[in-house]
Amino acid sequence: MEPELFCLGALHSPSTGIIDSHALMLAYLGDAEAHGAMLALKS
C-alpha cells in the first residue's frame, strides 16, 4: 500500500478522510446566520 513505509504491522482505517476545515467553519457560520445568529469578533 505504501512502499516507503516501515512497520511491523498496522491498523487500517479505510473510511478516514480529510476536509477543508475553513470551508466547514464557513458552512457552520452560514447555517447559524440563516437561523438568526450573529458572529461578534474581538468582543
PDB file of all heavy atoms in Angstrom:
ATOM      1  N   MET A   1       0.815  -1.211   0.000  1.00  0.00           N
ATOM      2  CA  MET A   1       0.000   0.000   0.000  1.00  0.00           C
ATOM      3  C   MET A   1       0.852   1.266   0.000  1.00  0.00           C
ATOM      4  O   MET A   1       0.537   2.240  -0.693  1.00  0.00           O
ATOM      5  CB  MET A   1      -0.931  -0.012   1.225  1.00  0.00           C
ATOM      6  CG  MET A   1      -1.942  -1.140   1.209  1.00  0.00           C
ATOM      7  SD  MET A   1      -2.778  -1.357   2.808  1.00  0.00           S
ATOM      8  CE  MET A   1      -3.741   0.133   2.901  1.00  0.00           C
ATOM      9  N   GLU A   2       1.908   1.257   0.812  1.00  0.00           N
ATOM     10  CA  GLU A   2       2.787   2.432   0.959  1.00  0.00           C
ATOM     11  C   GLU A   2       4.236   1.949   0.949  1.00  0.00           C
ATOM     12  O   GLU A   2       4.816   1.649   1.993  1.00  0.00           O
ATOM     13  CB  GLU A   2       2.476   3.180   2.267  1.00  0.00           C
ATOM     14  CG  GLU A   2       1.061   3.725   2.379  1.00  0.00           C
ATOM     15  CD  GLU A   2       0.837   4.951   1.487  1.00  0.00           C
ATOM     16  OE1 GLU A   2       1.792   5.412   0.826  1.00  0.00           O
ATOM     17  OE2 GLU A   2      -0.309   5.440   1.452  1.00  0.00           O
ATOM     18  N   PRO A   3       4.870   1.842  -0.232  1.00  0.00           N
ATOM     19  CA  PRO A   3       6.191   1.235  -0.338  1.00  0.00           C
ATOM     20  C   PRO A   3       7.287   1.906   0.492  1.00  0.00           C
ATOM     21  O   PRO A   3       8.260   1.252   0.864  1.00  0.00           O
ATOM     22  CB  PRO A   3       6.494   1.342  -1.841  1.00  0.00           C
ATOM     23  CG  PRO A   3       5.161   1.406  -2.496  1.00  0.00           C
ATOM     24  CD  PRO A   3       4.284   2.151  -1.547  1.00  0.00           C
ATOM     25  N   GLU A   4       7.147   3.200   0.790  1.00  0.00           N
ATOM     26  CA  GLU A   4       8.191   3.911   1.543  1.00  0.00           C
ATOM     27  C   GLU A   4       8.075   3.695   3.053  1.00  0.00           C
ATOM     28  O   GLU A   4       8.946   4.114   3.811  1.00  0.00           O
ATOM     29  CB  GLU A   4       8.105   5.411   1.249  1.00  0.00           C
ATOM     30  CG  GLU A   4       8.444   5.796  -0.170  1.00  0.00           C
ATOM     31  CD  GLU A   4       9.937   5.868  -0.400  1.00  0.00           C
ATOM     32  OE1 GLU A   4      10.684   6.000   0.588  1.00  0.00           O
ATOM     33  OE2 GLU A   4      10.358   5.775  -1.567  1.00  0.00           O
ATOM     34  N   LEU A   5       7.006   3.044   3.490  1.00  0.00           N
ATOM     35  CA  LEU A   5       6.705   2.961   4.912  1.00  0.00           C
ATOM     36  C   LEU A   5       7.329   1.725   5.545  1.00  0.00           C
ATOM     37  O   LEU A   5       7.285   0.629   4.982  1.00  0.00           O
ATOM     38  CB  LEU A   5       5.180   2.926   5.081  1.00  0.00           C
ATOM     39  CG  LEU A   5       4.599   3.137   6.476  1.00  0.00           C
ATOM     40  CD1 LEU A   5       4.982   4.493   7.023  1.00  0.00           C
ATOM     41  CD2 LEU A   5       3.071   3.002   6.409  1.00  0.00           C
ATOM     42  N   PHE A   6       7.898   1.895   6.757  1.00  0.00           N
ATOM     43  CA  PHE A   6       8.412   0.772   7.537  1.00  0.00           C
ATOM     44  C   PHE A   6       7.508   0.545   8.739  1.00  0.00           C
ATOM     45  O   PHE A   6       7.154   1.490   9.457  1.00  0.00           O
ATOM     46  CB  PHE A   6       9.832   1.038   8.035  1.00  0.00           C
ATOM     47  CG  PHE A   6      10.255   0.078   9.120  1.00  0.00           C
ATOM     48  CD1 PHE A   6      10.654  -1.217   8.797  1.00  0.00           C
ATOM     49  CD2 PHE A   6      10.198   0.448  10.462  1.00  0.00           C
ATOM     50  CE1 PHE A   6      11.003  -2.118   9.788  1.00  0.00           C
ATOM     51  CE2 PHE A   6      10.554  -0.453  11.464  1.00  0.00           C
ATOM     52  CZ  PHE A   6      10.957  -1.739  11.123  1.00  0.00           C
ATOM     53  N   CYS A   7       7.154  -0.712   8.997  1.00  0.00           N
ATOM     54  CA  CYS A   7       6.440  -1.055  10.228  1.00  0.00           C
ATOM     55  C   CYS A   7       6.455  -2.561  10.399  1.00  0.00           C
ATOM     56  O   CYS A   7       6.783  -3.310   9.475  1.00  0.00           O
ATOM     57  CB  CYS A   7       5.009  -0.523  10.213  1.00  0.00           C
ATOM     58  SG  CYS A   7       3.916  -1.358   9.044  1.00  0.00           S
ATOM     59  N   LEU A   8       6.087  -3.015  11.597  1.00  0.00           N
ATOM     60  CA  LEU A   8       5.939  -4.437  11.875  1.00  0.00           C
ATOM     61  C   LEU A   8       4.494  -4.897  11.706  1.00  0.00           C
ATOM     62  O   LEU A   8       4.213  -6.091  11.690  1.00  0.00           O
ATOM     63  CB  LEU A   8       6.412  -4.736  13.300  1.00  0.00           C
ATOM     64  CG  LEU A   8       7.869  -4.397  13.610  1.00  0.00           C
ATOM     65  CD1 LEU A   8       8.214  -4.791  15.035  1.00  0.00           C
ATOM     66  CD2 LEU A   8       8.815  -5.061  12.624  1.00  0.00           C
ATOM     67  N   GLY A   9       3.597  -3.971  11.601  1.00  0.00           N
ATOM     68  CA  GLY A   9       2.174  -4.230  11.442  1.00  0.00           C
ATOM     69  C   GLY A   9       1.432  -2.920  11.586  1.00  0.00           C
ATOM     70  O   GLY A   9       2.004  -1.901  12.006  1.00  0.00           O
ATOM     71  N   ALA A  10       0.165  -2.917  11.227  1.00  0.00           N
ATOM     72  CA  ALA A  10      -0.576  -1.662  11.254  1.00  0.00           C
ATOM     73  C   ALA A  10      -2.067  -1.926  11.396  1.00  0.00           C
ATOM     74  O   ALA A  10      -2.554  -3.036  11.180  1.00  0.00           O
ATOM     75  CB  ALA A  10      -0.311  -0.865   9.981  1.00  0.00           C
ATOM     76  N   LEU A  11      -2.778  -0.872  11.769  1.00  0.00           N
ATOM     77  CA  LEU A  11      -4.229  -0.832  11.669  1.00  0.00           C
ATOM     78  C   LEU A  11      -4.593   0.006  10.453  1.00  0.00           C
ATOM     79  O   LEU A  11      -3.982   1.052  10.200  1.00  0.00           O
ATOM     80  CB  LEU A  11      -4.851  -0.211  12.931  1.00  0.00           C
ATOM     81  CG  LEU A  11      -4.707  -0.962  14.232  1.00  0.00           C
ATOM     82  CD1 LEU A  11      -5.365  -0.177  15.359  1.00  0.00           C
ATOM     83  CD2 LEU A  11      -5.308  -2.358  14.142  1.00  0.00           C
ATOM     84  N   HIS A  12      -5.599  -0.444   9.718  1.00  0.00           N
ATOM     85  CA  HIS A  12      -6.058   0.279   8.542  1.00  0.00           C
ATOM     86  C   HIS A  12      -7.459   0.807   8.797  1.00  0.00           C
ATOM     87  O   HIS A  12      -8.351   0.047   9.202  1.00  0.00           O
ATOM     88  CB  HIS A  12      -6.058  -0.640   7.325  1.00  0.00           C
ATOM     89  CG  HIS A  12      -6.459   0.036   6.056  1.00  0.00           C
ATOM     90  ND1 HIS A  12      -7.142  -0.603   5.047  1.00  0.00           N
ATOM     91  CD2 HIS A  12      -6.280   1.321   5.634  1.00  0.00           C
ATOM     92  CE1 HIS A  12      -7.359   0.248   4.059  1.00  0.00           C
ATOM     93  NE2 HIS A  12      -6.854   1.415   4.383  1.00  0.00           N
ATOM     94  N   SER A  13      -7.647   2.106   8.602  1.00  0.00           N
ATOM     95  CA  SER A  13      -8.974   2.719   8.688  1.00  0.00           C
ATOM     96  C   SER A  13      -9.340   3.238   7.303  1.00  0.00           C
ATOM     97  O   SER A  13      -8.996   4.364   6.934  1.00  0.00           O
ATOM     98  CB  SER A  13      -8.966   3.869   9.699  1.00  0.00           C
ATOM     99  OG  SER A  13     -10.180   4.601   9.649  1.00  0.00           O
ATOM    100  N   PRO A  14     -10.022   2.433   6.490  1.00  0.00           N
ATOM    101  CA  PRO A  14     -10.296   2.842   5.106  1.00  0.00           C
ATOM    102  C   PRO A  14     -11.281   3.996   4.979  1.00  0.00           C
ATOM    103  O   PRO A  14     -11.301   4.676   3.949  1.00  0.00           O
ATOM    104  CB  PRO A  14     -10.874   1.565   4.475  1.00  0.00           C
ATOM    105  CG  PRO A  14     -11.427   0.779   5.625  1.00  0.00           C
ATOM    106  CD  PRO A  14     -10.522   1.082   6.789  1.00  0.00           C
ATOM    107  N   SER A  15     -12.092   4.240   6.007  1.00  0.00           N
ATOM    108  CA  SER A  15     -13.117   5.281   5.903  1.00  0.00           C
ATOM    109  C   SER A  15     -12.624   6.657   6.344  1.00  0.00           C
ATOM    110  O   SER A  15     -13.375   7.636   6.255  1.00  0.00           O
ATOM    111  CB  SER A  15     -14.343   4.892   6.736  1.00  0.00           C
ATOM    112  OG  SER A  15     -13.989   4.711   8.096  1.00  0.00           O
ATOM    113  N   THR A  16     -11.387   6.760   6.816  1.00  0.00           N
ATOM    114  CA  THR A  16     -10.853   8.060   7.225  1.00  0.00           C
ATOM    115  C   THR A  16     -10.735   8.981   6.019  1.00  0.00           C
ATOM    116  O   THR A  16     -10.330   8.557   4.930  1.00  0.00           O
ATOM    117  CB  THR A  16      -9.472   7.892   7.877  1.00  0.00           C
ATOM    118  OG1 THR A  16      -9.627   7.201   9.119  1.00  0.00           O
ATOM    119  CG2 THR A  16      -8.821   9.246   8.151  1.00  0.00           C
ATOM    120  N   GLY A  17     -11.068  10.247   6.204  1.00  0.00           N
ATOM    121  CA  GLY A  17     -10.973  11.216   5.124  1.00  0.00           C
ATOM    122  C   GLY A  17     -10.461  12.556   5.608  1.00  0.00           C
ATOM    123  O   GLY A  17     -10.182  12.747   6.803  1.00  0.00           O
ATOM    124  N   ILE A  18     -10.299  13.479   4.699  1.00  0.00           N
ATOM    125  CA  ILE A  18      -9.859  14.827   5.020  1.00  0.00           C
ATOM    126  C   ILE A  18     -10.866  15.817   4.447  1.00  0.00           C
ATOM    127  O   ILE A  18     -11.555  15.527   3.453  1.00  0.00           O
ATOM    128  CB  ILE A  18      -8.447  15.121   4.461  1.00  0.00           C
ATOM    129  CG1 ILE A  18      -8.379  14.835   2.955  1.00  0.00           C
ATOM    130  CG2 ILE A  18      -7.401  14.301   5.203  1.00  0.00           C
ATOM    131  CD1 ILE A  18      -7.030  15.142   2.335  1.00  0.00           C
ATOM    132  N   ILE A  19     -10.964  16.977   5.084  1.00  0.00           N
ATOM    133  CA  ILE A  19     -11.883  18.015   4.635  1.00  0.00           C
ATOM    134  C   ILE A  19     -11.167  19.361   4.666  1.00  0.00           C
ATOM    135  O   ILE A  19     -10.086  19.490   5.243  1.00  0.00           O
ATOM    136  CB  ILE A  19     -13.144  18.097   5.522  1.00  0.00           C
ATOM    137  CG1 ILE A  19     -12.763  18.519   6.965  1.00  0.00           C
ATOM    138  CG2 ILE A  19     -13.918  16.808   5.529  1.00  0.00           C
ATOM    139  CD1 ILE A  19     -13.949  18.918   7.800  1.00  0.00           C
ATOM    140  N   ASP A  20     -11.787  20.339   4.052  1.00  0.00           N
ATOM    141  CA  ASP A  20     -11.340  21.729   4.156  1.00  0.00           C
ATOM    142  C   ASP A  20     -11.965  22.303   5.426  1.00  0.00           C
ATOM    143  O   ASP A  20     -13.154  22.610   5.462  1.00  0.00           O
ATOM    144  CB  ASP A  20     -11.787  22.502   2.915  1.00  0.00           C
ATOM    145  CG  ASP A  20     -11.301  23.943   2.904  1.00  0.00           C
ATOM    146  OD1 ASP A  20     -11.098  24.515   3.989  1.00  0.00           O
ATOM    147  OD2 ASP A  20     -11.135  24.498   1.800  1.00  0.00           O
ATOM    148  N   SER A  21     -11.162  22.414   6.502  1.00  0.00           N
ATOM    149  CA  SER A  21     -11.713  22.819   7.800  1.00  0.00           C
ATOM    150  C   SER A  21     -12.267  24.236   7.766  1.00  0.00           C
ATOM    151  O   SER A  21     -13.274  24.537   8.423  1.00  0.00           O
ATOM    152  CB  SER A  21     -10.651  22.682   8.894  1.00  0.00           C
ATOM    153  OG  SER A  21      -9.515  23.460   8.595  1.00  0.00           O
ATOM    154  N   HIS A  22     -11.639  25.127   7.014  1.00  0.00           N
ATOM    155  CA  HIS A  22     -12.139  26.502   6.945  1.00  0.00           C
ATOM    156  C   HIS A  22     -13.483  26.553   6.217  1.00  0.00           C
ATOM    157  O   HIS A  22     -14.378  27.307   6.610  1.00  0.00           O
ATOM    158  CB  HIS A  22     -11.106  27.399   6.263  1.00  0.00           C
ATOM    159  CG  HIS A  22      -9.862  27.598   7.076  1.00  0.00           C
ATOM    160  ND1 HIS A  22      -9.816  28.452   8.158  1.00  0.00           N
ATOM    161  CD2 HIS A  22      -8.644  27.022   6.987  1.00  0.00           C
ATOM    162  CE1 HIS A  22      -8.607  28.406   8.690  1.00  0.00           C
ATOM    163  NE2 HIS A  22      -7.876  27.546   8.008  1.00  0.00           N
ATOM    164  N   ALA A  23     -13.629  25.731   5.170  1.00  0.00           N
ATOM    165  CA  ALA A  23     -14.916  25.668   4.484  1.00  0.00           C
ATOM    166  C   ALA A  23     -16.000  25.125   5.413  1.00  0.00           C
ATOM    167  O   ALA A  23     -17.156  25.576   5.375  1.00  0.00           O
ATOM    168  CB  ALA A  23     -14.803  24.798   3.232  1.00  0.00           C
ATOM    169  N   LEU A  24     -15.637  24.156   6.260  1.00  0.00           N
ATOM    170  CA  LEU A  24     -16.597  23.619   7.221  1.00  0.00           C
ATOM    171  C   LEU A  24     -17.064  24.707   8.180  1.00  0.00           C
ATOM    172  O   LEU A  24     -18.268  24.854   8.440  1.00  0.00           O
ATOM    173  CB  LEU A  24     -15.967  22.465   8.001  1.00  0.00           C
ATOM    174  CG  LEU A  24     -16.811  21.877   9.133  1.00  0.00           C
ATOM    175  CD1 LEU A  24     -18.058  21.203   8.574  1.00  0.00           C
ATOM    176  CD2 LEU A  24     -15.992  20.888   9.969  1.00  0.00           C
ATOM    177  N   MET A  25     -16.121  25.493   8.703  1.00  0.00           N
ATOM    178  CA  MET A  25     -16.492  26.553   9.643  1.00  0.00           C
ATOM    179  C   MET A  25     -17.350  27.622   8.970  1.00  0.00           C
ATOM    180  O   MET A  25     -18.303  28.142   9.576  1.00  0.00           O
ATOM    181  CB  MET A  25     -15.234  27.161  10.258  1.00  0.00           C
ATOM    182  CG  MET A  25     -14.546  26.224  11.238  1.00  0.00           C
ATOM    183  SD  MET A  25     -13.116  26.941  12.060  1.00  0.00           S
ATOM    184  CE  MET A  25     -11.857  26.727  10.805  1.00  0.00           C
ATOM    185  N   LEU A  26     -17.048  27.947   7.713  1.00  0.00           N
ATOM    186  CA  LEU A  26     -17.882  28.909   6.992  1.00  0.00           C
ATOM    187  C   LEU A  26     -19.286  28.354   6.770  1.00  0.00           C
ATOM    188  O   LEU A  26     -20.270  29.102   6.828  1.00  0.00           O
ATOM    189  CB  LEU A  26     -17.234  29.257   5.658  1.00  0.00           C
ATOM    190  CG  LEU A  26     -16.000  30.158   5.725  1.00  0.00           C
ATOM    191  CD1 LEU A  26     -15.361  30.289   4.352  1.00  0.00           C
ATOM    192  CD2 LEU A  26     -16.356  31.540   6.268  1.00  0.00           C
ATOM    193  N   ALA A  27     -19.384  27.051   6.516  1.00  0.00           N
ATOM    194  CA  ALA A  27     -20.705  26.432   6.350  1.00  0.00           C
ATOM    195  C   ALA A  27     -21.496  26.497   7.656  1.00  0.00           C
ATOM    196  O   ALA A  27     -22.693  26.806   7.656  1.00  0.00           O
ATOM    197  CB  ALA A  27     -20.546  24.989   5.891  1.00  0.00           C
ATOM    198  N   TYR A  28     -20.814  26.199   8.776  1.00  0.00           N
ATOM    199  CA  TYR A  28     -21.489  26.318  10.074  1.00  0.00           C
ATOM    200  C   TYR A  28     -21.970  27.756  10.302  1.00  0.00           C
ATOM    201  O   TYR A  28     -23.089  27.995  10.772  1.00  0.00           O
ATOM    202  CB  TYR A  28     -20.531  25.935  11.195  1.00  0.00           C
ATOM    203  CG  TYR A  28     -20.286  24.456  11.368  1.00  0.00           C
ATOM    204  CD1 TYR A  28     -19.233  24.004  12.182  1.00  0.00           C
ATOM    205  CD2 TYR A  28     -21.075  23.494  10.751  1.00  0.00           C
ATOM    206  CE1 TYR A  28     -18.994  22.647  12.362  1.00  0.00           C
ATOM    207  CE2 TYR A  28     -20.844  22.140  10.927  1.00  0.00           C
ATOM    208  CZ  TYR A  28     -19.795  21.725  11.728  1.00  0.00           C
ATOM    209  OH  TYR A  28     -19.546  20.389  11.917  1.00  0.00           O
ATOM    210  N   LEU A  29     -21.097  28.725   9.995  1.00  0.00           N
ATOM    211  CA  LEU A  29     -21.466  30.123  10.202  1.00  0.00           C
ATOM    212  C   LEU A  29     -22.662  30.494   9.332  1.00  0.00           C
ATOM    213  O   LEU A  29     -23.591  31.179   9.796  1.00  0.00           O
ATOM    214  CB  LEU A  29     -20.272  31.025   9.885  1.00  0.00           C
ATOM    215  CG  LEU A  29     -20.519  32.536   9.984  1.00  0.00           C
ATOM    216  CD1 LEU A  29     -20.971  32.921  11.392  1.00  0.00           C
ATOM    217  CD2 LEU A  29     -19.270  33.307   9.583  1.00  0.00           C
ATOM    218  N   GLY A  30     -22.668  30.042   8.084  1.00  0.00           N
ATOM    219  CA  GLY A  30     -23.793  30.344   7.200  1.00  0.00           C
ATOM    220  C   GLY A  30     -25.092  29.774   7.729  1.00  0.00           C
ATOM    221  O   GLY A  30     -26.129  30.456   7.723  1.00  0.00           O
ATOM    222  N   ASP A  31     -25.055  28.532   8.220  1.00  0.00           N
ATOM    223  CA  ASP A  31     -26.264  27.927   8.792  1.00  0.00           C
ATOM    224  C   ASP A  31     -26.718  28.703  10.029  1.00  0.00           C
ATOM    225  O   ASP A  31     -27.926  28.928  10.222  1.00  0.00           O
ATOM    226  CB  ASP A  31     -25.995  26.469   9.170  1.00  0.00           C
ATOM    227  CG  ASP A  31     -25.939  25.550   7.967  1.00  0.00           C
ATOM    228  OD1 ASP A  31     -26.323  25.993   6.864  1.00  0.00           O
ATOM    229  OD2 ASP A  31     -25.509  24.389   8.120  1.00  0.00           O
ATOM    230  N   ALA A  32     -25.753  29.096  10.875  1.00  0.00           N
ATOM    231  CA  ALA A  32     -26.104  29.832  12.096  1.00  0.00           C
ATOM    232  C   ALA A  32     -26.744  31.179  11.761  1.00  0.00           C
ATOM    233  O   ALA A  32     -27.778  31.553  12.335  1.00  0.00           O
ATOM    234  CB  ALA A  32     -24.861  30.031  12.957  1.00  0.00           C
ATOM    235  N   GLU A  33     -26.158  31.905  10.828  1.00  0.00           N
ATOM    236  CA  GLU A  33     -26.704  33.219  10.465  1.00  0.00           C
ATOM    237  C   GLU A  33     -28.067  33.085   9.798  1.00  0.00           C
ATOM    238  O   GLU A  33     -28.942  33.934   9.985  1.00  0.00           O
ATOM    239  CB  GLU A  33     -25.723  33.946   9.554  1.00  0.00           C
ATOM    240  CG  GLU A  33     -24.462  34.394  10.288  1.00  0.00           C
ATOM    241  CD  GLU A  33     -23.448  35.077   9.379  1.00  0.00           C
ATOM    242  OE1 GLU A  33     -23.499  34.849   8.149  1.00  0.00           O
ATOM    243  OE2 GLU A  33     -22.605  35.831   9.899  1.00  0.00           O
ATOM    244  N   ALA A  34     -28.264  32.006   9.052  1.00  0.00           N
ATOM    245  CA  ALA A  34     -29.567  31.774   8.422  1.00  0.00           C
ATOM    246  C   ALA A  34     -30.661  31.548   9.455  1.00  0.00           C
ATOM    247  O   ALA A  34     -31.847  31.745   9.161  1.00  0.00           O
ATOM    248  CB  ALA A  34     -29.483  30.581   7.465  1.00  0.00           C
ATOM    249  N   HIS A  35     -30.261  31.136  10.667  1.00  0.00           N
ATOM    250  CA  HIS A  35     -31.222  30.920  11.746  1.00  0.00           C
ATOM    251  C   HIS A  35     -31.203  32.052  12.774  1.00  0.00           C
ATOM    252  O   HIS A  35     -31.677  31.892  13.906  1.00  0.00           O
ATOM    253  CB  HIS A  35     -30.942  29.582  12.433  1.00  0.00           C
ATOM    254  CG  HIS A  35     -31.317  28.398  11.593  1.00  0.00           C
ATOM    255  ND1 HIS A  35     -30.515  27.912  10.579  1.00  0.00           N
ATOM    256  CD2 HIS A  35     -32.431  27.610  11.590  1.00  0.00           C
ATOM    257  CE1 HIS A  35     -31.095  26.881  10.003  1.00  0.00           C
ATOM    258  NE2 HIS A  35     -32.260  26.675  10.590  1.00  0.00           N
ATOM    259  N   GLY A  36     -30.636  33.193  12.400  1.00  0.00           N
ATOM    260  CA  GLY A  36     -30.721  34.381  13.253  1.00  0.00           C
ATOM    261  C   GLY A  36     -29.540  34.650  14.151  1.00  0.00           C
ATOM    262  O   GLY A  36     -29.570  35.602  14.932  1.00  0.00           O
ATOM    263  N   ALA A  37     -28.490  33.840  14.069  1.00  0.00           N
ATOM    264  CA  ALA A  37     -27.309  34.065  14.919  1.00  0.00           C
ATOM    265  C   ALA A  37     -26.464  35.211  14.367  1.00  0.00           C
ATOM    266  O   ALA A  37     -26.561  35.585  13.195  1.00  0.00           O
ATOM    267  CB  ALA A  37     -26.474  32.793  15.012  1.00  0.00           C
ATOM    268  N   MET A  38     -25.626  35.751  15.236  1.00  0.00           N
ATOM    269  CA  MET A  38     -24.722  36.823  14.843  1.00  0.00           C
ATOM    270  C   MET A  38     -23.333  36.515  15.396  1.00  0.00           C
ATOM    271  O   MET A  38     -23.186  36.125  16.560  1.00  0.00           O
ATOM    272  CB  MET A  38     -25.208  38.168  15.398  1.00  0.00           C
ATOM    273  CG  MET A  38     -24.308  39.347  15.057  1.00  0.00           C
ATOM    274  SD  MET A  38     -24.880  40.887  15.834  1.00  0.00           S
ATOM    275  CE  MET A  38     -26.465  41.085  15.022  1.00  0.00           C
ATOM    276  N   LEU A  39     -22.315  36.662  14.561  1.00  0.00           N
ATOM    277  CA  LEU A  39     -20.933  36.471  14.992  1.00  0.00           C
ATOM    278  C   LEU A  39     -20.346  37.817  15.376  1.00  0.00           C
ATOM    279  O   LEU A  39     -20.361  38.758  14.582  1.00  0.00           O
ATOM    280  CB  LEU A  39     -20.103  35.853  13.857  1.00  0.00           C
ATOM    281  CG  LEU A  39     -18.604  35.704  14.110  1.00  0.00           C
ATOM    282  CD1 LEU A  39     -18.339  34.710  15.239  1.00  0.00           C
ATOM    283  CD2 LEU A  39     -17.889  35.277  12.837  1.00  0.00           C
ATOM    284  N   ALA A  40     -19.834  37.911  16.605  1.00  0.00           N
ATOM    285  CA  ALA A  40     -19.219  39.152  17.090  1.00  0.00           C
ATOM    286  C   ALA A  40     -17.776  38.859  17.479  1.00  0.00           C
ATOM    287  O   ALA A  40     -17.518  38.270  18.533  1.00  0.00           O
ATOM    288  CB  ALA A  40     -19.998  39.705  18.274  1.00  0.00           C
ATOM    289  N   LEU A  41     -16.835  39.249  16.628  1.00  0.00           N
ATOM    290  CA  LEU A  41     -15.417  39.027  16.892  1.00  0.00           C
ATOM    291  C   LEU A  41     -14.825  40.178  17.702  1.00  0.00           C
ATOM    292  O   LEU A  41     -15.410  41.256  17.791  1.00  0.00           O
ATOM    293  CB  LEU A  41     -14.660  38.872  15.564  1.00  0.00           C
ATOM    294  CG  LEU A  41     -15.138  37.739  14.644  1.00  0.00           C
ATOM    295  CD1 LEU A  41     -14.399  37.787  13.324  1.00  0.00           C
ATOM    296  CD2 LEU A  41     -14.952  36.391  15.307  1.00  0.00           C
ATOM    297  N   LYS A  42     -13.676  39.941  18.281  1.00  0.00           N
ATOM    298  CA  LYS A  42     -12.954  40.949  19.060  1.00  0.00           C
ATOM    299  C   LYS A  42     -13.869  41.592  20.099  1.00  0.00           C
ATOM    300  O   LYS A  42     -13.889  42.808  20.267  1.00  0.00           O
ATOM    301  CB  LYS A  42     -12.346  42.007  18.139  1.00  0.00           C
ATOM    302  CG  LYS A  42     -11.316  41.432  17.171  1.00  0.00           C
ATOM    303  CD  LYS A  42     -10.667  42.506  16.312  1.00  0.00           C
ATOM    304  CE  LYS A  42      -9.630  41.893  15.375  1.00  0.00           C
ATOM    305  NZ  LYS A  42      -8.988  42.915  14.514  1.00  0.00           N
ATOM    306  N   SER A  43     -14.629  40.755  20.797  1.00  0.00           N
ATOM    307  CA  SER A  43     -15.571  41.213  21.821  1.00  0.00           C
ATOM    308  C   SER A  43     -15.328  40.412  23.094  1.00  0.00           C
ATOM    309  O   SER A  43     -16.096  39.502  23.428  1.00  0.00           O
ATOM    310  CB  SER A  43     -17.022  41.037  21.343  1.00  0.00           C
ATOM    311  OG  SER A  43     -17.245  41.705  20.126  1.00  0.00           O
TER     312      SER A  43
END
